[in-house]
């Protein structure tokens, strides 16, 4: 695959687009990276998507834990392993 796009020509904060043509990574963008987003309410109460990682591109700080979100499901709070 001959696609090769330098990072400065992209709207995402990647080093570029270049697909691997062999190995386990075949077909994967070798220069891409991930963004982590979180939906948050703005001042008016509307839900917006904010980038929270990588930090240098963050549009907002991560809210953790989210209010009203139970991190550990009830079924996982009391786990016991019995030997027998």
PDB file of N, CA and C in Angstrom:
ATOM      1  N   UNK A   1       0.847  -1.171   0.000  1.00  0.00           N
ATOM      2  CA  UNK A   1       0.000   0.000   0.000  1.00  0.00           C
ATOM      3  C   UNK A   1       0.895   1.237   0.000  1.00  0.00           C
ATOM      4  N   UNK A   2       0.734   2.075  -0.960  1.00  0.00           N
ATOM      5  CA  UNK A   2       1.615   3.225  -1.139  1.00  0.00           C
ATOM      6  C   UNK A   2       1.117   4.489  -0.468  1.00  0.00           C
ATOM      7  N   UNK A   3       0.065   4.397   0.338  1.00  0.00           N
ATOM      8  CA  UNK A   3      -0.438   5.595   1.009  1.00  0.00           C
ATOM      9  C   UNK A   3       0.575   6.061   2.048  1.00  0.00           C
ATOM     10  N   UNK A   4       0.947   7.314   1.978  1.00  0.00           N
ATOM     11  CA  UNK A   4       1.871   7.909   2.937  1.00  0.00           C
ATOM     12  C   UNK A   4       1.516   9.383   3.065  1.00  0.00           C
ATOM     13  N   UNK A   5       0.983   9.764   4.218  1.00  0.00           N
ATOM     14  CA  UNK A   5       0.561  11.149   4.451  1.00  0.00           C
ATOM     15  C   UNK A   5       1.307  11.673   5.673  1.00  0.00           C
ATOM     16  N   UNK A   6       2.042  12.767   5.538  1.00  0.00           N
ATOM     17  CA  UNK A   6       2.752  13.330   6.694  1.00  0.00           C
ATOM     18  C   UNK A   6       1.775  13.898   7.727  1.00  0.00           C
ATOM     19  N   UNK A   7       2.192  13.870   8.984  1.00  0.00           N
ATOM     20  CA  UNK A   7       1.347  14.322  10.086  1.00  0.00           C
ATOM     21  C   UNK A   7       0.851  15.745   9.955  1.00  0.00           C
ATOM     22  N   UNK A   8       1.662  16.643   9.406  1.00  0.00           N
ATOM     23  CA  UNK A   8       1.248  18.051   9.313  1.00  0.00           C
ATOM     24  C   UNK A   8       0.103  18.262   8.329  1.00  0.00           C
ATOM     25  N   UNK A   9      -0.246  17.235   7.559  1.00  0.00           N
ATOM     26  CA  UNK A   9      -1.367  17.339   6.625  1.00  0.00           C
ATOM     27  C   UNK A   9      -2.647  16.733   7.182  1.00  0.00           C
ATOM     28  N   UNK A  10      -2.626  16.305   8.439  1.00  0.00           N
ATOM     29  CA  UNK A  10      -3.781  15.653   9.062  1.00  0.00           C
ATOM     30  C   UNK A  10      -4.444  16.568  10.093  1.00  0.00           C
ATOM     31  N   UNK A  11      -5.713  16.293  10.385  1.00  0.00           N
ATOM     32  CA  UNK A  11      -6.394  17.053  11.433  1.00  0.00           C
ATOM     33  C   UNK A  11      -6.311  16.351  12.789  1.00  0.00           C
ATOM     34  N   UNK A  12      -5.844  15.122  12.811  1.00  0.00           N
ATOM     35  CA  UNK A  12      -5.642  14.385  14.052  1.00  0.00           C
ATOM     36  C   UNK A  12      -4.165  14.474  14.445  1.00  0.00           C
ATOM     37  N   UNK A  13      -3.853  14.379  15.731  1.00  0.00           N
ATOM     38  CA  UNK A  13      -2.458  14.551  16.177  1.00  0.00           C
ATOM     39  C   UNK A  13      -1.611  13.292  16.007  1.00  0.00           C
ATOM     40  N   UNK A  14      -1.489  12.827  14.776  1.00  0.00           N
ATOM     41  CA  UNK A  14      -0.671  11.662  14.475  1.00  0.00           C
ATOM     42  C   UNK A  14       0.622  12.106  13.819  1.00  0.00           C
ATOM     43  N   UNK A  15       1.584  11.202  13.793  1.00  0.00           N
ATOM     44  CA  UNK A  15       2.824  11.462  13.063  1.00  0.00           C
ATOM     45  C   UNK A  15       2.617  11.319  11.563  1.00  0.00           C
ATOM     46  N   UNK A  16       1.506  10.722  11.171  1.00  0.00           N
ATOM     47  CA  UNK A  16       1.199  10.547   9.759  1.00  0.00           C
ATOM     48  C   UNK A  16       0.365   9.314   9.520  1.00  0.00           C
ATOM     49  N   UNK A  17       0.221   8.951   8.249  1.00  0.00           N
ATOM     50  CA  UNK A  17      -0.486   7.737   7.847  1.00  0.00           C
ATOM     51  C   UNK A  17       0.442   6.945   6.945  1.00  0.00           C
ATOM     52  N   UNK A  18       0.780   5.756   7.372  1.00  0.00           N
ATOM     53  CA  UNK A  18       1.596   4.851   6.573  1.00  0.00           C
ATOM     54  C   UNK A  18       1.240   3.435   7.023  1.00  0.00           C
ATOM     55  N   UNK A  19       0.719   2.663   6.099  1.00  0.00           N
ATOM     56  CA  UNK A  19       0.245   1.326   6.439  1.00  0.00           C
ATOM     57  C   UNK A  19       1.338   0.286   6.282  1.00  0.00           C
ATOM     58  N   UNK A  20       1.387  -0.621   7.239  1.00  0.00           N
ATOM     59  CA  UNK A  20       2.329  -1.730   7.185  1.00  0.00           C
ATOM     60  C   UNK A  20       1.878  -2.696   6.088  1.00  0.00           C
ATOM     61  N   UNK A  21       2.825  -3.262   5.372  1.00  0.00           N
ATOM     62  CA  UNK A  21       2.479  -4.198   4.298  1.00  0.00           C
ATOM     63  C   UNK A  21       2.913  -5.626   4.604  1.00  0.00           C
ATOM     64  N   UNK A  22       3.437  -5.856   5.813  1.00  0.00           N
ATOM     65  CA  UNK A  22       3.855  -7.210   6.160  1.00  0.00           C
ATOM     66  C   UNK A  22       3.746  -7.435   7.658  1.00  0.00           C
ATOM     67  N   UNK A  23       3.904  -8.692   8.043  1.00  0.00           N
ATOM     68  CA  UNK A  23       3.928  -9.058   9.452  1.00  0.00           C
ATOM     69  C   UNK A  23       2.561  -8.977  10.114  1.00  0.00           C
ATOM     70  N   UNK A  24       2.547  -9.072  11.437  1.00  0.00           N
ATOM     71  CA  UNK A  24       1.309  -9.032  12.212  1.00  0.00           C
ATOM     72  C   UNK A  24       0.601  -7.687  12.107  1.00  0.00           C
ATOM     73  N   UNK A  25       1.358  -6.639  11.809  1.00  0.00           N
ATOM     74  CA  UNK A  25       0.799  -5.295  11.720  1.00  0.00           C
ATOM     75  C   UNK A  25       0.255  -4.966  10.329  1.00  0.00           C
ATOM     76  N   UNK A  26       0.238  -5.929   9.433  1.00  0.00           N
ATOM     77  CA  UNK A  26      -0.188  -5.697   8.043  1.00  0.00           C
ATOM     78  C   UNK A  26      -1.552  -5.003   8.014  1.00  0.00           C
ATOM     79  N   UNK A  27      -1.603  -3.891   7.291  1.00  0.00           N
ATOM     80  CA  UNK A  27      -2.838  -3.126   7.152  1.00  0.00           C
ATOM     81  C   UNK A  27      -3.062  -2.109   8.257  1.00  0.00           C
ATOM     82  N   UNK A  28      -2.177  -2.058   9.245  1.00  0.00           N
ATOM     83  CA  UNK A  28      -2.314  -1.113  10.359  1.00  0.00           C
ATOM     84  C   UNK A  28      -1.533   0.165  10.074  1.00  0.00           C
ATOM     85  N   UNK A  29      -2.080   1.279  10.520  1.00  0.00           N
ATOM     86  CA  UNK A  29      -1.376   2.549  10.389  1.00  0.00           C
ATOM     87  C   UNK A  29      -0.244   2.576  11.416  1.00  0.00           C
ATOM     88  N   UNK A  30       0.968   2.541  10.954  1.00  0.00           N
ATOM     89  CA  UNK A  30       2.130   2.502  11.845  1.00  0.00           C
ATOM     90  C   UNK A  30       2.417   3.843  12.502  1.00  0.00           C
ATOM     91  N   UNK A  31       1.874   4.934  11.983  1.00  0.00           N
ATOM     92  CA  UNK A  31       2.166   6.260  12.517  1.00  0.00           C
ATOM     93  C   UNK A  31       1.008   6.854  13.313  1.00  0.00           C
ATOM     94  N   UNK A  32      -0.097   6.129  13.377  1.00  0.00           N
ATOM     95  CA  UNK A  32      -1.271   6.627  14.096  1.00  0.00           C
ATOM     96  C   UNK A  32      -1.171   6.370  15.588  1.00  0.00           C
ATOM     97  N   UNK A  33      -1.998   7.045  16.328  1.00  0.00           N
ATOM     98  CA  UNK A  33      -2.074   6.843  17.775  1.00  0.00           C
ATOM     99  C   UNK A  33      -3.517   7.088  18.209  1.00  0.00           C
ATOM    100  N   UNK A  34      -3.793   6.835  19.438  1.00  0.00           N
ATOM    101  CA  UNK A  34      -5.161   6.950  19.919  1.00  0.00           C
ATOM    102  C   UNK A  34      -5.454   8.254  20.634  1.00  0.00           C
ATOM    103  N   UNK A  35      -6.720   8.562  20.688  1.00  0.00           N
ATOM    104  CA  UNK A  35      -7.236   9.668  21.494  1.00  0.00           C
ATOM    105  C   UNK A  35      -8.289   9.076  22.407  1.00  0.00           C
ATOM    106  N   UNK A  36      -8.361   9.554  23.631  1.00  0.00           N
ATOM    107  CA  UNK A  36      -9.408   9.116  24.549  1.00  0.00           C
ATOM    108  C   UNK A  36     -10.314  10.297  24.819  1.00  0.00           C
ATOM    109  N   UNK A  37     -11.599  10.071  24.589  1.00  0.00           N
ATOM    110  CA  UNK A  37     -12.589  11.125  24.809  1.00  0.00           C
ATOM    111  C   UNK A  37     -13.545  10.764  25.926  1.00  0.00           C
ATOM    112  N   UNK A  38     -14.167  11.775  26.484  1.00  0.00           N
ATOM    113  CA  UNK A  38     -15.149  11.582  27.546  1.00  0.00           C
ATOM    114  C   UNK A  38     -16.272  12.583  27.317  1.00  0.00           C
ATOM    115  N   UNK A  39     -17.513  12.092  27.390  1.00  0.00           N
ATOM    116  CA  UNK A  39     -18.649  12.989  27.280  1.00  0.00           C
ATOM    117  C   UNK A  39     -18.840  13.704  28.612  1.00  0.00           C
ATOM    118  N   UNK A  40     -18.926  15.039  28.538  1.00  0.00           N
ATOM    119  CA  UNK A  40     -19.095  15.854  29.739  1.00  0.00           C
ATOM    120  C   UNK A  40     -20.142  16.926  29.469  1.00  0.00           C
ATOM    121  N   UNK A  41     -20.785  17.387  30.544  1.00  0.00           N
ATOM    122  CA  UNK A  41     -21.756  18.475  30.421  1.00  0.00           C
ATOM    123  C   UNK A  41     -21.029  19.813  30.392  1.00  0.00           C
ATOM    124  N   UNK A  42     -21.497  20.712  29.522  1.00  0.00           N
ATOM    125  CA  UNK A  42     -20.942  22.064  29.515  1.00  0.00           C
ATOM    126  C   UNK A  42     -21.734  22.929  30.500  1.00  0.00           C
ATOM    127  N   UNK A  43     -21.444  24.209  30.561  1.00  0.00           N
ATOM    128  CA  UNK A  43     -22.099  25.105  31.529  1.00  0.00           C
ATOM    129  C   UNK A  43     -23.608  25.178  31.346  1.00  0.00           C
ATOM    130  N   UNK A  44     -24.053  25.000  30.101  1.00  0.00           N
ATOM    131  CA  UNK A  44     -25.482  25.047  29.810  1.00  0.00           C
ATOM    132  C   UNK A  44     -26.162  23.704  30.070  1.00  0.00           C
ATOM    133  N   UNK A  45     -25.393  22.682  30.422  1.00  0.00           N
ATOM    134  CA  UNK A  45     -25.940  21.360  30.691  1.00  0.00           C
ATOM    135  C   UNK A  45     -26.009  20.461  29.480  1.00  0.00           C
ATOM    136  N   UNK A  46     -25.464  20.909  28.351  1.00  0.00           N
ATOM    137  CA  UNK A  46     -25.435  20.085  27.141  1.00  0.00           C
ATOM    138  C   UNK A  46     -24.241  19.147  27.178  1.00  0.00           C
ATOM    139  N   UNK A  47     -24.417  17.960  26.628  1.00  0.00           N
ATOM    140  CA  UNK A  47     -23.349  16.960  26.598  1.00  0.00           C
ATOM    141  C   UNK A  47     -22.435  17.233  25.403  1.00  0.00           C
ATOM    142  N   UNK A  48     -21.123  17.252  25.669  1.00  0.00           N
ATOM    143  CA  UNK A  48     -20.111  17.474  24.632  1.00  0.00           C
ATOM    144  C   UNK A  48     -19.015  16.429  24.768  1.00  0.00           C
ATOM    145  N   UNK A  49     -18.389  16.118  23.663  1.00  0.00           N
ATOM    146  CA  UNK A  49     -17.254  15.203  23.684  1.00  0.00           C
ATOM    147  C   UNK A  49     -15.977  16.009  23.882  1.00  0.00           C
ATOM    148  N   UNK A  50     -15.199  15.631  24.898  1.00  0.00           N
ATOM    149  CA  UNK A  50     -13.926  16.290  25.181  1.00  0.00           C
ATOM    150  C   UNK A  50     -12.802  15.275  25.086  1.00  0.00           C
ATOM    151  N   UNK A  51     -11.669  15.690  24.543  1.00  0.00           N
ATOM    152  CA  UNK A  51     -10.472  14.860  24.527  1.00  0.00           C
ATOM    153  C   UNK A  51      -9.824  14.987  25.901  1.00  0.00           C
ATOM    154  N   UNK A  52      -9.521  13.828  26.524  1.00  0.00           N
ATOM    155  CA  UNK A  52      -8.883  13.856  27.840  1.00  0.00           C
ATOM    156  C   UNK A  52      -7.480  13.262  27.828  1.00  0.00           C
ATOM    157  N   UNK A  53      -7.116  12.587  26.732  1.00  0.00           N
ATOM    158  CA  UNK A  53      -5.773  12.025  26.609  1.00  0.00           C
ATOM    159  C   UNK A  53      -5.442  11.825  25.148  1.00  0.00           C
ATOM    160  N   UNK A  54      -4.232  12.093  24.714  1.00  0.00           N
ATOM    161  CA  UNK A  54      -3.062  12.520  25.453  1.00  0.00           C
ATOM    162  C   UNK A  54      -3.234  13.930  26.038  1.00  0.00           C
ATOM    163  N   UNK A  55      -2.599  14.150  27.157  1.00  0.00           N
ATOM    164  CA  UNK A  55      -2.789  15.384  27.913  1.00  0.00           C
ATOM    165  C   UNK A  55      -2.451  16.639  27.121  1.00  0.00           C
ATOM    166  N   UNK A  56      -1.469  16.547  26.225  1.00  0.00           N
ATOM    167  CA  UNK A  56      -1.091  17.746  25.470  1.00  0.00           C
ATOM    168  C   UNK A  56      -2.164  18.168  24.466  1.00  0.00           C
ATOM    169  N   UNK A  57      -3.136  17.299  24.200  1.00  0.00           N
ATOM    170  CA  UNK A  57      -4.231  17.645  23.294  1.00  0.00           C
ATOM    171  C   UNK A  57      -5.567  17.737  24.018  1.00  0.00           C
ATOM    172  N   UNK A  58      -5.542  17.599  25.337  1.00  0.00           N
ATOM    173  CA  UNK A  58      -6.786  17.571  26.115  1.00  0.00           C
ATOM    174  C   UNK A  58      -7.556  18.885  26.002  1.00  0.00           C
ATOM    175  N   UNK A  59      -8.864  18.753  25.807  1.00  0.00           N
ATOM    176  CA  UNK A  59      -9.748  19.916  25.796  1.00  0.00           C
ATOM    177  C   UNK A  59     -10.424  20.087  27.148  1.00  0.00           C
ATOM    178  N   UNK A  60     -10.258  19.094  28.024  1.00  0.00           N
ATOM    179  CA  UNK A  60     -10.830  19.134  29.362  1.00  0.00           C
ATOM    180  C   UNK A  60     -10.113  18.102  30.217  1.00  0.00           C
ATOM    181  N   UNK A  61     -10.191  18.253  31.519  1.00  0.00           N
ATOM    182  CA  UNK A  61      -9.623  17.250  32.411  1.00  0.00           C
ATOM    183  C   UNK A  61     -10.615  16.109  32.573  1.00  0.00           C
ATOM    184  N   UNK A  62     -10.085  14.920  32.819  1.00  0.00           N
ATOM    185  CA  UNK A  62     -10.922  13.750  33.014  1.00  0.00           C
ATOM    186  C   UNK A  62     -11.733  13.887  34.299  1.00  0.00           C
ATOM    187  N   UNK A  63     -12.989  13.488  34.240  1.00  0.00           N
ATOM    188  CA  UNK A  63     -13.827  13.420  35.435  1.00  0.00           C
ATOM    189  C   UNK A  63     -13.852  11.957  35.849  1.00  0.00           C
ATOM    190  N   UNK A  64     -13.318  11.665  37.057  1.00  0.00           N
ATOM    191  CA  UNK A  64     -13.263  10.298  37.535  1.00  0.00           C
ATOM    192  C   UNK A  64     -13.350  10.265  39.041  1.00  0.00           C
ATOM    193  N   UNK A  65     -14.140   9.467  39.620  1.00  0.00           N
ATOM    194  CA  UNK A  65     -15.156   8.673  38.934  1.00  0.00           C
ATOM    195  C   UNK A  65     -16.328   9.560  38.520  1.00  0.00           C
ATOM    196  N   UNK A  66     -17.048   9.128  37.513  1.00  0.00           N
ATOM    197  CA  UNK A  66     -18.222   9.877  37.077  1.00  0.00           C
ATOM    198  C   UNK A  66     -19.281   9.793  38.163  1.00  0.00           C
ATOM    199  N   UNK A  67     -19.886  10.919  38.469  1.00  0.00           N
ATOM    200  CA  UNK A  67     -20.923  10.961  39.499  1.00  0.00           C
ATOM    201  C   UNK A  67     -22.067  10.026  39.119  1.00  0.00           C
ATOM    202  N   UNK A  68     -22.445   9.173  40.047  1.00  0.00           N
ATOM    203  CA  UNK A  68     -23.552   8.251  39.819  1.00  0.00           C
ATOM    204  C   UNK A  68     -23.154   6.981  39.094  1.00  0.00           C
ATOM    205  N   UNK A  69     -21.848   6.801  38.821  1.00  0.00           N
ATOM    206  CA  UNK A  69     -21.386   5.614  38.121  1.00  0.00           C
ATOM    207  C   UNK A  69     -20.745   4.684  39.133  1.00  0.00           C
ATOM    208  N   UNK A  70     -21.260   3.495  39.237  1.00  0.00           N
ATOM    209  CA  UNK A  70     -20.725   2.508  40.170  1.00  0.00           C
ATOM    210  C   UNK A  70     -19.577   1.769  39.491  1.00  0.00           C
ATOM    211  N   UNK A  71     -18.366   2.058  39.912  1.00  0.00           N
ATOM    212  CA  UNK A  71     -17.174   1.483  39.289  1.00  0.00           C
ATOM    213  C   UNK A  71     -17.147  -0.041  39.422  1.00  0.00           C
ATOM    214  N   UNK A  72     -17.417  -0.558  40.617  1.00  0.00           N
ATOM    215  CA  UNK A  72     -17.348  -1.993  40.853  1.00  0.00           C
ATOM    216  C   UNK A  72     -18.772  -2.543  40.923  1.00  0.00           C
ATOM    217  N   UNK A  73     -19.155  -3.342  39.950  1.00  0.00           N
ATOM    218  CA  UNK A  73     -20.491  -3.923  39.991  1.00  0.00           C
ATOM    219  C   UNK A  73     -20.709  -4.705  41.278  1.00  0.00           C
ATOM    220  N   UNK A  74     -21.932  -4.704  41.768  1.00  0.00           N
ATOM    221  CA  UNK A  74     -22.275  -5.358  43.025  1.00  0.00           C
ATOM    222  C   UNK A  74     -21.813  -6.815  43.029  1.00  0.00           C
ATOM    223  N   UNK A  75     -21.956  -7.502  41.921  1.00  0.00           N
ATOM    224  CA  UNK A  75     -21.606  -8.922  41.852  1.00  0.00           C
ATOM    225  C   UNK A  75     -20.109  -9.145  42.049  1.00  0.00           C
ATOM    226  N   UNK A  76     -19.292  -8.139  41.831  1.00  0.00           N
ATOM    227  CA  UNK A  76     -17.841  -8.309  41.952  1.00  0.00           C
ATOM    228  C   UNK A  76     -17.306  -7.842  43.298  1.00  0.00           C
ATOM    229  N   UNK A  77     -18.133  -7.230  44.132  1.00  0.00           N
ATOM    230  CA  UNK A  77     -17.648  -6.714  45.411  1.00  0.00           C
ATOM    231  C   UNK A  77     -17.243  -7.828  46.356  1.00  0.00           C
ATOM    232  N   UNK A  78     -17.978  -8.894  46.365  1.00  0.00           N
ATOM    233  CA  UNK A  78     -17.682  -9.997  47.288  1.00  0.00           C
ATOM    234  C   UNK A  78     -17.373 -11.246  46.480  1.00  0.00           C
ATOM    235  N   UNK A  79     -16.141 -11.392  46.141  1.00  0.00           N
ATOM    236  CA  UNK A  79     -15.725 -12.563  45.385  1.00  0.00           C
ATOM    237  C   UNK A  79     -14.886 -13.429  46.322  1.00  0.00           C
ATOM    238  N   UNK A  80     -15.279 -14.666  46.450  1.00  0.00           N
ATOM    239  CA  UNK A  80     -14.497 -15.559  47.297  1.00  0.00           C
ATOM    240  C   UNK A  80     -14.126 -16.802  46.487  1.00  0.00           C
ATOM    241  N   UNK A  81     -12.951 -17.299  46.783  1.00  0.00           N
ATOM    242  CA  UNK A  81     -12.499 -18.517  46.122  1.00  0.00           C
ATOM    243  C   UNK A  81     -12.414 -19.595  47.190  1.00  0.00           C
ATOM    244  N   UNK A  82     -13.194 -20.634  46.990  1.00  0.00           N
ATOM    245  CA  UNK A  82     -13.190 -21.713  47.953  1.00  0.00           C
ATOM    246  C   UNK A  82     -12.288 -22.832  47.469  1.00  0.00           C
ATOM    247  N   UNK A  83     -11.490 -23.318  48.369  1.00  0.00           N
ATOM    248  CA  UNK A  83     -10.637 -24.463  48.006  1.00  0.00           C
ATOM    249  C   UNK A  83     -11.382 -25.737  48.365  1.00  0.00           C
ATOM    250  N   UNK A  84     -11.185 -26.741  47.618  1.00  0.00           N
ATOM    251  CA  UNK A  84     -11.957 -27.934  47.927  1.00  0.00           C
ATOM    252  C   UNK A  84     -11.289 -29.115  47.456  1.00  0.00           C
TER     253      UNK A  84
END
